[in-house]
Amino acid sequence: MDQTQYNQQVTALRERIEKLYAERGQKALFHGIHHIRFVAHKAREFAQALQANSFLCESAALVHDIN
């Protein structure tokens, strides 16, 4: 996956997660969007440092608290 595809797909997923949180707000069974953004950012940093699949790591981080 090239950088453009990565950016497009992660951006689309991030927008869907943010929309979900905005729609469900206090009813959502996961931490606030600030936490999700923080974890996704750290996952991307760790993936780059470890030469892991950044898309997989960041995507997993974005959905990790959704029940």
Protein backbone atom coordinates (compact mmCIF):
# COMPACT_ATOMS: atom_id res chain seq x y z
CA MET A 1 0.00 0.00 0.00
CA ASP A 2 1.49 3.34 -0.94
CA GLN A 3 1.39 6.43 1.27
CA THR A 4 -1.57 7.97 -0.58
CA GLN A 5 -3.69 4.85 -0.17
CA TYR A 6 -2.66 4.59 3.48
CA ASN A 7 -3.65 8.20 4.15
CA GLN A 8 -6.98 7.82 2.36
CA GLN A 9 -7.95 4.62 4.14
CA VAL A 10 -6.87 5.72 7.61
CA THR A 11 -8.58 9.08 7.14
CA ALA A 12 -11.82 7.37 6.09
CA LEU A 13 -11.68 5.05 9.11
CA ARG A 14 -10.86 7.92 11.47
CA GLU A 15 -13.82 9.92 10.12
CA ARG A 16 -16.18 6.96 10.64
CA ILE A 17 -14.98 6.50 14.22
CA GLU A 18 -15.33 10.21 14.98
CA LYS A 19 -18.85 10.19 13.49
CA LEU A 20 -19.76 7.16 15.60
CA TYR A 21 -18.55 8.88 18.73
CA ALA A 22 -20.34 12.12 17.83
CA GLU A 23 -23.61 10.25 17.24
CA ARG A 24 -23.45 8.09 20.36
CA GLY A 25 -21.63 10.49 22.65
CA GLN A 26 -22.17 9.51 26.26
CA LYS A 27 -23.85 6.23 25.27
CA ALA A 28 -20.70 4.96 23.60
CA LEU A 29 -19.06 2.10 25.44
CA PHE A 30 -15.52 3.29 24.89
CA HIS A 31 -13.25 6.09 25.96
CA GLY A 32 -13.60 9.57 24.50
CA ILE A 33 -12.34 10.46 21.05
CA HIS A 34 -9.29 12.14 22.61
CA HIS A 35 -8.18 8.75 23.91
CA ILE A 36 -8.75 7.09 20.55
CA ARG A 37 -6.68 9.76 18.79
CA PHE A 38 -3.88 9.39 21.34
CA VAL A 39 -3.73 5.60 21.01
CA ALA A 40 -3.81 5.79 17.20
CA HIS A 41 -0.97 8.31 17.22
CA LYS A 42 1.14 6.12 19.53
CA ALA A 43 0.37 3.02 17.47
CA ARG A 44 1.58 4.78 14.31
CA GLU A 45 4.80 5.85 16.10
CA PHE A 46 5.43 2.33 17.45
CA ALA A 47 4.73 0.74 14.06
CA GLN A 48 7.22 3.04 12.35
CA ALA A 49 9.86 2.43 15.03
CA LEU A 50 9.39 -1.34 14.82
CA GLN A 51 8.96 -1.42 11.04
CA ALA A 52 5.53 -2.97 11.48
CA ASN A 53 2.48 -2.50 9.26
CA SER A 54 1.43 1.07 10.10
CA PHE A 55 -2.00 0.73 8.51
CA LEU A 56 -2.83 -2.38 10.50
CA CYS A 57 -1.55 -0.92 13.77
CA GLU A 58 -3.26 2.44 13.40
CA SER A 59 -6.53 0.87 12.24
CA ALA A 60 -6.56 -1.49 15.20
CA ALA A 61 -5.87 1.42 17.53
CA LEU A 62 -8.76 3.42 16.10
CA VAL A 63 -11.28 0.66 16.84
CA HIS A 64 -9.72 -0.88 19.96
CA ASP A 65 -12.37 0.40 22.41
CA ILE A 66 -15.49 -0.10 20.32
CA ASN A 67 -17.76 -2.73 21.79
